[in-house]
Protein backbone atom coordinates (compact mmCIF):
# COMPACT_ATOMS: atom_id res chain seq x y z
CA UNK A 1 -15.78 -25.09 189.40
CA UNK A 2 -13.32 -27.29 187.49
CA UNK A 3 -16.47 -28.89 185.75
CA UNK A 4 -17.96 -25.36 184.75
CA UNK A 5 -14.71 -24.37 183.59
CA UNK A 6 -14.11 -27.11 181.41
CA UNK A 7 -17.59 -26.77 179.83
CA UNK A 8 -17.40 -23.09 179.19
CA UNK A 9 -13.71 -23.90 177.35
CA UNK A 10 -15.71 -26.73 175.26
CA UNK A 11 -18.55 -24.48 174.32
CA UNK A 12 -16.17 -21.63 173.18
CA UNK A 13 -13.99 -24.18 171.30
CA UNK A 14 -17.03 -25.38 169.59
CA UNK A 15 -17.72 -21.77 168.47
CA UNK A 16 -14.01 -21.04 167.45
CA UNK A 17 -14.26 -24.49 165.14
CA UNK A 18 -17.62 -23.76 163.68
CA UNK A 19 -16.74 -20.11 163.00
CA UNK A 20 -13.28 -20.85 161.36
CA UNK A 21 -15.25 -23.64 159.21
CA UNK A 22 -17.82 -21.25 158.21
CA UNK A 23 -14.86 -18.80 157.15
CA UNK A 24 -13.07 -21.20 155.25
CA UNK A 25 -16.39 -22.22 153.38
CA UNK A 26 -17.14 -18.58 152.81
CA UNK A 27 -13.59 -17.87 151.41
CA UNK A 28 -13.26 -20.80 149.35
CA UNK A 29 -10.73 -22.81 151.56
CA UNK A 30 -8.48 -20.07 151.61
CA UNK A 31 -7.99 -19.64 155.45
CA UNK A 32 -6.24 -22.16 157.14
CA UNK A 33 -8.18 -24.10 160.32
CA UNK A 34 -5.72 -26.37 161.31
CA UNK A 35 -7.10 -26.80 164.93
CA UNK A 36 -4.65 -29.44 166.36
CA UNK A 37 -2.67 -26.82 168.38
CA UNK A 38 -5.25 -24.37 168.38
CA UNK A 39 -7.71 -26.62 170.30
CA UNK A 40 -4.84 -27.35 172.92
CA UNK A 41 -4.07 -23.59 173.14
CA UNK A 42 -7.52 -22.36 173.53
CA UNK A 43 -8.49 -25.05 176.07
CA UNK A 44 -5.46 -24.18 178.16
CA UNK A 45 -6.05 -20.55 177.97
CA UNK A 46 -9.83 -20.84 178.93
CA UNK A 47 -8.79 -23.32 181.80
CA UNK A 48 -5.93 -20.87 182.92
CA UNK A 49 -8.51 -17.92 183.13
CA UNK A 50 -11.35 -19.74 184.70
CA UNK A 51 -8.89 -21.23 187.51
CA UNK A 52 -8.06 -17.76 188.79
CA UNK A 53 -10.20 -17.39 191.86
CA UNK A 54 -12.04 -13.93 192.44
CA UNK A 55 -11.72 -14.19 196.16
CA UNK A 56 -15.01 -12.85 196.78
CA UNK A 57 -17.05 -13.30 199.77
CA UNK A 58 -20.56 -15.12 200.04
CA UNK A 59 -23.39 -12.30 199.56
CA UNK A 60 -27.06 -12.07 198.93
CA UNK A 61 -28.15 -8.59 197.50
CA UNK A 62 -31.78 -9.66 197.88
CA UNK A 63 -32.76 -8.85 194.36
CA UNK A 64 -31.18 -5.30 194.26
CA UNK A 65 -31.08 -3.11 191.23
CA UNK A 66 -27.33 -2.34 190.37
CA UNK A 67 -27.67 0.81 188.32
CA UNK A 68 -25.09 1.25 185.48
CA UNK A 69 -25.16 4.68 183.95
CA UNK A 70 -23.64 4.47 180.19
CA UNK A 71 -24.19 5.79 176.93
CA UNK A 72 -26.60 5.15 173.91
CA UNK A 73 -25.19 4.37 170.64
CA UNK A 74 -25.40 7.76 168.85
CA UNK A 75 -22.48 7.32 166.68
CA UNK A 76 -21.33 4.82 164.32
CA UNK A 77 -18.44 3.98 166.35
CA UNK A 78 -20.87 3.11 169.42
CA UNK A 79 -21.61 -0.12 171.02
CA UNK A 80 -22.38 0.56 174.54
CA UNK A 81 -25.51 -1.01 175.18
CA UNK A 82 -24.33 -4.39 174.26
CA UNK A 83 -20.93 -4.00 175.77
CA UNK A 84 -22.98 -4.26 179.22
CA UNK A 85 -26.23 -5.90 178.73
CA UNK A 86 -27.71 -8.70 176.72
CA UNK A 87 -31.67 -9.17 176.96
CA UNK A 88 -31.46 -13.10 175.80
CA UNK A 89 -29.35 -15.75 173.81
CA UNK A 90 -29.35 -15.01 170.23
CA UNK A 91 -26.50 -17.13 168.85
CA UNK A 92 -23.97 -14.31 168.40
CA UNK A 93 -20.84 -15.05 170.34
CA UNK A 94 -20.32 -11.72 171.92
CA UNK A 95 -23.88 -10.93 172.84
CA UNK A 96 -24.28 -14.70 174.34
CA UNK A 97 -20.86 -14.15 176.46
CA UNK A 98 -22.37 -10.79 177.91
CA UNK A 99 -25.52 -12.79 178.64
CA UNK A 100 -23.92 -15.63 180.30
CA UNK A 101 -21.58 -13.32 182.35
CA UNK A 102 -24.27 -11.26 183.47
CA UNK A 103 -26.57 -14.03 184.39
CA UNK A 104 -23.65 -16.18 186.21
CA UNK A 105 -22.93 -13.17 188.56
CA UNK A 106 -26.34 -11.99 189.09
CA UNK A 107 -27.51 -15.39 190.27
CA UNK A 108 -24.54 -15.97 192.56
CA UNK A 109 -25.30 -12.65 194.71
CA UNK A 110 -29.03 -12.25 193.79
CA UNK A 111 -29.16 -8.94 192.06
CA UNK A 112 -30.04 -7.44 188.99
CA UNK A 113 -28.51 -5.06 186.42
CA UNK A 114 -30.06 -2.07 185.66
CA UNK A 115 -28.68 -0.24 182.56
CA UNK A 116 -29.34 3.53 182.43
CA UNK A 117 -28.22 4.95 178.94
CA UNK A 118 -28.07 8.56 178.48
CA UNK A 119 -28.28 10.24 175.24
CA UNK A 120 -24.80 10.74 173.91
CA UNK A 121 -25.46 12.57 170.61
CA UNK A 122 -23.91 15.27 173.00
CA UNK A 123 -20.81 12.93 174.26
CA UNK A 124 -20.40 15.30 177.43
CA UNK A 125 -23.83 14.76 178.66
CA UNK A 126 -23.75 11.01 180.26
CA UNK A 127 -21.03 12.29 182.64
CA UNK A 128 -22.76 15.92 183.10
CA UNK A 129 -25.85 14.13 184.02
CA UNK A 130 -23.95 11.86 186.67
CA UNK A 131 -22.05 14.83 187.93
CA UNK A 132 -25.37 16.93 188.37
CA UNK A 133 -27.01 14.05 190.47
CA UNK A 134 -23.92 13.39 192.59
CA UNK A 135 -23.60 16.90 193.52
CA UNK A 136 -27.05 17.27 194.46
CA UNK A 137 -26.51 14.33 196.70
CA UNK A 138 -28.79 12.00 195.25
CA UNK A 139 -28.38 8.43 194.94
CA UNK A 140 -29.47 7.37 191.34
CA UNK A 141 -26.31 5.24 190.15
CA UNK A 142 -24.02 2.68 191.25
CA UNK A 143 -21.54 2.99 188.44
CA UNK A 144 -20.89 5.19 185.40
CA UNK A 145 -18.80 3.88 182.59
CA UNK A 146 -18.27 6.64 179.93
CA UNK A 147 -16.13 8.51 177.80
CA UNK A 148 -12.52 8.99 178.98
CA UNK A 149 -11.73 12.34 178.40
CA UNK A 150 -15.42 13.63 179.79
CA UNK A 151 -14.96 11.64 182.79
CA UNK A 152 -11.30 12.93 183.46
CA UNK A 153 -12.89 16.58 183.15
CA UNK A 154 -15.12 15.57 185.89
CA UNK A 155 -12.42 14.50 188.33
CA UNK A 156 -12.15 18.08 189.96
CA UNK A 157 -15.67 18.20 191.00
CA UNK A 158 -15.31 15.66 193.87
CA UNK A 159 -18.20 13.37 192.54
CA UNK A 160 -15.91 10.14 192.36
CA UNK A 161 -15.15 7.58 195.18
CA UNK A 162 -11.81 6.27 195.51
CA UNK A 163 -11.32 2.91 193.99
CA UNK A 164 -8.69 1.71 196.55
CA UNK A 165 -11.38 2.53 199.05
CA UNK A 166 -13.86 0.11 197.58
CA UNK A 167 -13.70 -3.32 199.61
CA UNK A 168 -13.48 -6.58 197.33
CA UNK A 169 -11.76 -4.57 194.42
CA UNK A 170 -8.22 -6.14 193.57
CA UNK A 171 -6.26 -4.18 191.06
CA UNK A 172 -3.67 -7.35 191.20
CA UNK A 173 -6.22 -9.42 189.34
CA UNK A 174 -5.54 -9.80 185.62
CA UNK A 175 -9.20 -8.46 184.85
CA UNK A 176 -7.96 -4.79 185.65
CA UNK A 177 -5.65 -3.05 183.24
CA UNK A 178 -2.39 -2.80 184.91
CA UNK A 179 -0.96 0.25 183.16
CA UNK A 180 -4.12 2.39 183.26
CA UNK A 181 -4.16 1.62 186.99
CA UNK A 182 -0.79 2.86 187.22
CA UNK A 183 -1.21 6.04 185.30
CA UNK A 184 -4.55 6.75 187.01
CA UNK A 185 -3.21 6.55 190.46
CA UNK A 186 -2.17 9.79 192.44
CA UNK A 187 -1.30 9.88 195.95
CA UNK A 188 -2.39 6.18 196.22
CA UNK A 189 -6.08 7.23 195.06
CA UNK A 190 -7.86 6.59 191.74
CA UNK A 191 -10.95 8.04 190.66
CA UNK A 192 -11.33 5.52 187.77
CA UNK A 193 -10.54 2.12 186.58
CA UNK A 194 -10.48 0.18 183.31
CA UNK A 195 -10.86 -3.51 182.99
CA UNK A 196 -12.97 -6.55 181.62
CA UNK A 197 -16.28 -5.14 182.96
CA UNK A 198 -16.29 -3.39 179.52
CA UNK A 199 -15.44 -4.84 176.23
CA UNK A 200 -15.16 -1.44 174.88
CA UNK A 201 -11.71 -1.23 176.32
CA UNK A 202 -10.77 -3.45 173.57
CA UNK A 203 -12.86 -1.94 170.83
CA UNK A 204 -11.16 1.28 170.76
CA UNK A 205 -7.87 0.11 170.79
CA UNK A 206 -5.86 1.89 167.67
CA UNK A 207 -4.43 -0.47 164.98
CA UNK A 208 -4.06 -0.43 161.29
CA UNK A 209 -5.54 -2.32 158.54
CA UNK A 210 -4.40 -3.09 154.85
CA UNK A 211 -5.96 -4.11 151.90
CA UNK A 212 -4.32 -7.37 150.54
CA UNK A 213 -5.53 -6.88 146.97
CA UNK A 214 -4.04 -3.31 146.36
CA UNK A 215 -1.10 -4.38 148.58
CA UNK A 216 -0.30 -7.15 145.98
CA UNK A 217 -1.25 -4.78 142.88
CA UNK A 218 1.77 -2.65 143.95
CA UNK A 219 3.93 -5.73 144.41
CA UNK A 220 4.74 -4.68 148.19
CA UNK A 221 6.00 -7.77 150.32
CA UNK A 222 3.54 -8.87 153.01
CA UNK A 223 4.35 -6.34 156.02
CA UNK A 224 4.36 -9.03 158.89
CA UNK A 225 8.14 -9.75 158.31
CA UNK A 226 8.88 -6.23 158.76
CA UNK A 227 6.71 -5.88 162.05
CA UNK A 228 8.64 -8.78 163.45
CA UNK A 229 12.11 -7.45 162.33
CA UNK A 230 10.99 -3.89 163.91
CA UNK A 231 11.42 -2.55 160.48
CA UNK A 232 7.72 -1.18 160.44
CA UNK A 233 8.84 2.40 160.99
CA UNK A 234 7.05 5.29 159.84
CA UNK A 235 9.51 6.23 157.27
CA UNK A 236 8.93 2.63 155.91
CA UNK A 237 5.23 3.27 155.89
CA UNK A 238 5.80 6.49 153.93
CA UNK A 239 8.04 4.72 151.35
CA UNK A 240 5.41 2.35 150.33
CA UNK A 241 2.37 4.37 150.49
CA UNK A 242 3.24 7.99 149.27
CA UNK A 243 2.87 6.81 145.38
CA UNK A 244 -0.17 4.62 145.69
CA UNK A 245 -2.98 6.57 144.03
CA UNK A 246 -5.33 6.01 141.35
CA UNK A 247 -7.60 8.66 139.68
CA UNK A 248 -10.61 6.29 139.69
CA UNK A 249 -13.14 8.82 138.74
CA UNK A 250 -10.90 10.16 135.92
CA UNK A 251 -11.80 13.84 137.23
CA UNK A 252 -8.14 14.74 136.89
CA UNK A 253 -8.06 15.86 140.65
CA UNK A 254 -7.49 14.13 143.93
CA UNK A 255 -10.95 13.58 145.81
CA UNK A 256 -12.32 10.95 148.12
CA UNK A 257 -13.47 9.07 145.05
CA UNK A 258 -9.99 8.08 144.42
CA UNK A 259 -7.46 5.30 145.82
CA UNK A 260 -4.83 6.11 148.24
CA UNK A 261 -1.96 4.50 149.59
CA UNK A 262 -2.62 5.68 153.00
CA UNK A 263 -6.15 6.89 154.52
CA UNK A 264 -6.46 8.42 158.40
CA UNK A 265 -7.86 11.41 159.91
CA UNK A 266 -6.10 14.26 161.77
CA UNK A 267 -8.36 13.36 165.10
CA UNK A 268 -7.69 10.48 167.33
CA UNK A 269 -5.74 8.09 164.90
CA UNK A 270 -3.02 11.02 164.45
CA UNK A 271 -3.00 11.53 168.25
CA UNK A 272 -1.94 7.93 168.72
CA UNK A 273 1.18 8.63 167.08
CA UNK A 274 2.33 10.62 170.21
CA UNK A 275 2.40 7.29 171.96
CA UNK A 276 3.23 5.14 169.04
CA UNK A 277 6.33 6.94 168.70
CA UNK A 278 7.21 6.86 172.48
CA UNK A 279 6.73 10.31 173.21
CA UNK A 280 4.41 10.63 175.99
CA UNK A 281 2.32 14.25 177.33
CA UNK A 282 3.41 13.21 181.15
CA UNK A 283 5.62 11.27 182.84
CA UNK A 284 5.56 10.61 186.91
CA UNK A 285 8.29 12.56 188.52
CA UNK A 286 10.30 11.10 191.86
CA UNK A 287 7.60 12.44 194.03
CA UNK A 288 5.05 10.08 192.21
CA UNK A 289 3.16 13.19 190.57
CA UNK A 290 2.66 13.55 186.51
CA UNK A 291 4.48 16.39 185.09
CA UNK A 292 4.53 17.54 181.43
CA UNK A 293 7.68 16.24 179.23
CA UNK A 294 6.39 17.04 175.71
CA UNK A 295 8.56 20.01 175.36
CA UNK A 296 11.58 17.90 173.78
CA UNK A 297 13.65 17.51 170.64
CA UNK A 298 11.47 14.92 169.39
CA UNK A 299 8.28 16.30 169.35
CA UNK A 300 8.83 18.98 166.72
CA UNK A 301 10.49 16.16 164.55
CA UNK A 302 7.29 14.14 164.79
CA UNK A 303 5.34 16.95 163.79
CA UNK A 304 7.68 17.98 160.65
CA UNK A 305 7.68 14.29 159.69
CA UNK A 306 3.54 14.00 160.14
CA UNK A 307 3.04 17.14 158.33
CA UNK A 308 5.09 16.21 155.50
CA UNK A 309 3.47 12.86 155.31
CA UNK A 310 0.20 14.42 155.24
CA UNK A 311 0.56 16.94 152.55
CA UNK A 312 3.40 16.18 150.22
CA UNK A 313 2.20 13.11 148.47
CA UNK A 314 -0.47 11.93 146.03
CA UNK A 315 -0.82 8.62 147.77
CA UNK A 316 -1.77 10.26 151.14
CA UNK A 317 -5.51 11.34 151.92
CA UNK A 318 -5.82 12.49 155.49
CA UNK A 319 -9.10 14.12 156.46
CA UNK A 320 -8.23 17.45 157.92
CA UNK A 321 -11.64 18.82 158.59
CA UNK A 322 -14.46 17.96 161.30
CA UNK A 323 -16.93 16.68 158.56
CA UNK A 324 -16.31 15.12 155.07
CA UNK A 325 -17.11 16.97 151.80
CA UNK A 326 -20.45 15.21 152.23
CA UNK A 327 -21.50 16.38 155.42
CA UNK A 328 -20.59 13.16 157.34
CA UNK A 329 -18.76 13.21 161.00
CA UNK A 330 -15.01 12.58 160.54
CA UNK A 331 -15.30 9.08 162.55
CA UNK A 332 -16.88 7.60 159.11
CA UNK A 333 -14.25 8.85 156.81
CA UNK A 334 -11.62 5.98 157.22
CA UNK A 335 -13.99 3.19 157.59
CA UNK A 336 -15.93 4.24 154.70
CA UNK A 337 -12.88 4.70 152.42
CA UNK A 338 -11.25 1.28 153.55
CA UNK A 339 -14.73 -0.50 153.02
CA UNK A 340 -14.96 0.85 149.41
CA UNK A 341 -11.45 -0.46 148.56
CA UNK A 342 -10.02 2.76 148.28
CA UNK A 343 -7.34 2.48 151.05
CA UNK A 344 -4.12 0.40 150.82
CA UNK A 345 -3.62 1.07 154.40
CA UNK A 346 -5.50 2.77 156.92
CA UNK A 347 -5.59 3.70 160.60
CA UNK A 348 -8.30 2.27 162.71
CA UNK A 349 -9.65 0.71 165.63
CA UNK A 350 -10.63 -2.97 166.50
CA UNK A 351 -14.33 -2.04 166.52
CA UNK A 352 -14.05 -1.53 162.91
CA UNK A 353 -13.57 -5.05 162.09
CA UNK A 354 -16.46 -6.22 164.56
CA UNK A 355 -19.12 -3.49 163.38
CA UNK A 356 -17.75 -2.33 160.11
CA UNK A 357 -16.03 -4.49 157.84
CA UNK A 358 -18.04 -7.77 158.32
CA UNK A 359 -19.01 -7.73 154.58
CA UNK A 360 -15.84 -6.60 153.10
CA UNK A 361 -14.97 -8.32 149.97
CA UNK A 362 -11.32 -7.67 149.89
CA UNK A 363 -9.01 -9.69 152.05
CA UNK A 364 -7.36 -7.61 154.84
CA UNK A 365 -5.01 -7.86 157.47
CA UNK A 366 -4.22 -6.28 160.91
CA UNK A 367 -0.88 -4.31 161.79
CA UNK A 368 0.13 -2.34 164.66
CA UNK A 369 1.13 1.26 164.42
CA UNK A 370 4.82 2.21 163.20
CA UNK A 371 8.02 2.76 165.23
CA UNK A 372 9.44 5.99 165.24
CA UNK A 373 12.66 4.12 164.03
CA UNK A 374 14.24 0.86 164.49
CA UNK A 375 16.03 1.93 167.91
CA UNK A 376 12.52 2.33 169.58
CA UNK A 377 12.18 -0.34 172.32
CA UNK A 378 8.80 -1.61 171.19
CA UNK A 379 5.65 -0.81 169.41
CA UNK A 380 3.06 1.17 171.06
CA UNK A 381 -0.59 1.95 171.02
CA UNK A 382 -3.57 3.80 172.83
CA UNK A 383 -7.08 3.40 173.62
CA UNK A 384 -9.11 6.24 172.19
CA UNK A 385 -10.88 9.12 174.22
CA UNK A 386 -14.30 7.50 173.31
CA UNK A 387 -13.22 4.41 175.05
CA UNK A 388 -14.31 3.94 178.87
CA UNK A 389 -13.39 4.50 182.13
CA UNK A 390 -15.39 3.45 185.18
CA UNK A 391 -16.27 5.69 188.46
CA UNK A 392 -18.30 4.98 191.58
CA UNK A 393 -20.08 7.98 193.05
CA UNK A 394 -19.08 9.56 196.17
CA UNK A 395 -22.76 8.94 197.10
CA UNK A 396 -22.32 5.38 197.38
CA UNK A 397 -24.32 4.14 199.81
CA UNK A 398 -22.55 0.16 200.14
CA UNK A 399 -19.35 0.27 198.82
CA UNK A 400 -18.46 -3.38 199.90
CA UNK A 401 -21.82 -4.24 197.76
CA UNK A 402 -20.50 -2.43 194.58
CA UNK A 403 -16.99 -3.80 194.91
CA UNK A 404 -18.43 -7.31 195.05
CA UNK A 405 -20.65 -6.61 192.02
CA UNK A 406 -17.96 -4.91 190.03
CA UNK A 407 -15.22 -7.40 190.68
CA UNK A 408 -17.60 -10.20 189.87
CA UNK A 409 -18.47 -8.83 186.58
CA UNK A 410 -15.15 -8.08 186.02
CA UNK A 411 -13.63 -11.50 186.82
CA UNK A 412 -16.42 -13.18 184.60
CA UNK A 413 -15.86 -10.85 181.91
CA UNK A 414 -12.33 -11.88 181.80
CA UNK A 415 -13.09 -15.42 181.87
CA UNK A 416 -16.17 -15.45 179.54
CA UNK A 417 -16.70 -12.23 177.57
CA UNK A 418 -12.98 -11.30 176.71
CA UNK A 419 -11.96 -14.71 175.27
CA UNK A 420 -15.24 -14.70 173.06
CA UNK A 421 -14.47 -11.32 171.64
CA UNK A 422 -10.76 -11.72 171.26
CA UNK A 423 -10.45 -15.25 170.49
CA UNK A 424 -13.65 -16.33 169.14
CA UNK A 425 -14.62 -13.06 167.25
CA UNK A 426 -11.70 -10.88 166.68
CA UNK A 427 -9.23 -13.22 165.95
CA UNK A 428 -11.08 -16.02 164.36
CA UNK A 429 -14.59 -14.57 162.90
CA UNK A 430 -13.09 -11.22 161.66
CA UNK A 431 -9.45 -12.00 160.72
CA UNK A 432 -8.54 -13.83 157.37
CA UNK A 433 -5.01 -15.15 158.26
CA UNK A 434 -2.92 -16.54 161.13
CA UNK A 435 -0.34 -13.62 160.94
CA UNK A 436 -3.24 -11.20 161.64
CA UNK A 437 -4.05 -12.97 164.88
CA UNK A 438 -0.39 -12.65 165.67
CA UNK A 439 -0.59 -8.84 164.97
CA UNK A 440 -3.74 -8.49 167.47
CA UNK A 441 -1.79 -10.18 169.91
CA UNK A 442 0.93 -7.69 169.50
CA UNK A 443 -1.08 -4.58 169.42
CA UNK A 444 -3.22 -5.64 172.81
CA UNK A 445 0.00 -6.13 174.59
CA UNK A 446 1.47 -2.67 173.98
CA UNK A 447 -1.29 -0.62 174.80
CA UNK A 448 0.00 2.45 177.04
CA UNK A 449 -1.91 4.85 178.96
CA UNK A 450 -0.87 8.88 180.11
CA UNK A 451 -2.15 10.78 182.76
CA UNK A 452 -1.71 13.92 180.19
CA UNK A 453 -4.35 12.37 177.91
CA UNK A 454 -6.95 10.83 180.26
CA UNK A 455 -6.96 13.96 182.39
CA UNK A 456 -6.55 16.15 179.42
CA UNK A 457 -10.27 17.63 178.83
CA UNK A 458 -8.93 19.56 175.85
CA UNK A 459 -7.02 21.93 178.00
CA UNK A 460 -3.76 20.06 178.40
CA UNK A 461 -1.48 19.10 175.42
CA UNK A 462 -2.44 15.76 174.41
CA UNK A 463 -4.11 16.98 171.11
CA UNK A 464 -1.13 19.06 170.08
CA UNK A 465 -0.92 16.80 166.83
CA UNK A 466 -4.66 16.99 166.01
CA UNK A 467 -4.47 20.96 166.62
CA UNK A 468 -1.18 21.65 164.60
CA UNK A 469 -1.71 19.31 161.60
CA UNK A 470 -5.18 20.34 160.86
CA UNK A 471 -3.99 23.79 160.67
CA UNK A 472 -0.69 22.72 158.45
CA UNK A 473 1.40 24.45 161.48
CA UNK A 474 4.66 23.11 162.22
CA UNK A 475 5.79 25.67 164.69
CA UNK A 476 5.66 23.51 167.91
CA UNK A 477 7.73 25.97 170.05
CA UNK A 478 5.35 28.75 169.55
CA UNK A 479 2.30 26.50 170.12
CA UNK A 480 3.97 25.24 173.40
CA UNK A 481 4.67 28.82 174.89
CA UNK A 482 1.22 29.81 173.91
CA UNK A 483 -0.42 26.54 175.71
CA UNK A 484 2.19 25.81 178.46
CA UNK A 485 0.81 27.75 181.48
CA UNK A 486 -2.76 26.65 180.47
CA UNK A 487 -1.91 23.08 180.49
CA UNK A 488 0.05 22.87 183.49
CA UNK A 489 -2.61 24.85 185.74
CA UNK A 490 -5.20 22.24 184.24
CA UNK A 491 -3.12 19.05 185.21
CA UNK A 492 -2.39 20.54 188.31
CA UNK A 493 -6.00 21.25 189.17
CA UNK A 494 -6.90 17.63 188.57
CA UNK A 495 -3.45 16.51 190.83
CA UNK A 496 -4.92 19.01 193.58
CA UNK A 497 -8.50 17.34 193.57
CA UNK A 498 -6.69 13.96 194.41
CA UNK A 499 -4.60 15.46 197.01
CA UNK A 500 -7.75 17.26 198.43
CA UNK A 501 -9.73 13.99 198.55
CA UNK A 502 -10.68 12.65 202.00
CA UNK A 503 -13.66 10.65 202.92
């Protein structure tokens, strides 16, 4: 095993060096590729990951087809098939890592992955399909990996098996997202899990991108030191973006063909500020149950500041509608504006770099979401609702087999796929300076989760910023009074599903 770990480290290290060299050549040598310390760090990281045992027993599943229900790639931000399955080696770093992960675990336990993608042009359909099957008592799937919010909505239908009852799954291992596990656990049970079985859990992490050409044109100091000094606050972001505007099409009016200091949407990118500003929807009380805590003095202040930011300045362009002026979906707005070089600072997810910014001509960098103020303890970010949760059907016929396969795939995902995505691709192939790699480390270290978001189901309070800011409404008190009873009732319904669970 030690030899295999070293070979794996060497292969990935060669990929890092090759990709860095290609990037340096492509950009005229503008990227530093001092690989002396990097080689040592990479080898040490890979070896330490490979050395962590999964503690799984020997097993032979005699060619069993392990059926994973997932989503099709129906939207521009979808990468759900490649996330779980690769048909062959292609030379693409992430594809080959997924292929090698699957092959290694399949051969070890003698089974085959059978991917069952459900059309997700209607995003509710995959989980709805799973729910109908399980409620009918059918045995069609071993696991579902789907949209976080829709999964949470299905939780009170009693279709999910408690992860803590699955033999061979160990949430103490580093391939499980610890904060998600904590926030998903109620009464010692969890219907969902999140970890390195799916690199979509990295894809849908929110961050910010900045265009260095525009940044330099406006003589703004590079922002990295501001981040390190904890001066990267929302007030600072407003101050440097509010007046950055150019009427590129010379039609004497602001439109999407112009250049802006800040570009975003009122949907998930705005919802992220709830957690970026350390103002969660729910917290766990002394009885270990989540309760609504949004009605506080900070919430209306956040709402007022963002409403002013979005509407009072020429340099800000935030899409407040579900579709763009040309009819395209709101999901495409920010990546389109940034790709076209018309946004100095933009909200986004890591998958933008992987899927949408590959051919971007301008140099760009990564940043975290800003702090509310300099008193805030640390930066925070969230995983978009389109991100995955994992669920096991209550109709599972062999929980021990499911546990071995899921734990094995998750462990090797942590050891093979995540380093390829994170270190080789995201931090080397798609970044253009060392500071951005530092920022990526920071962002991924501060992901936070919230029962009130994962189980919102568009019935709770998690989308209050989206709902109010899209209407340019800053009356939080009225909104809260109108929605409090419904939200608490919905959250209590989810909690009761956990308390009632007994298999």
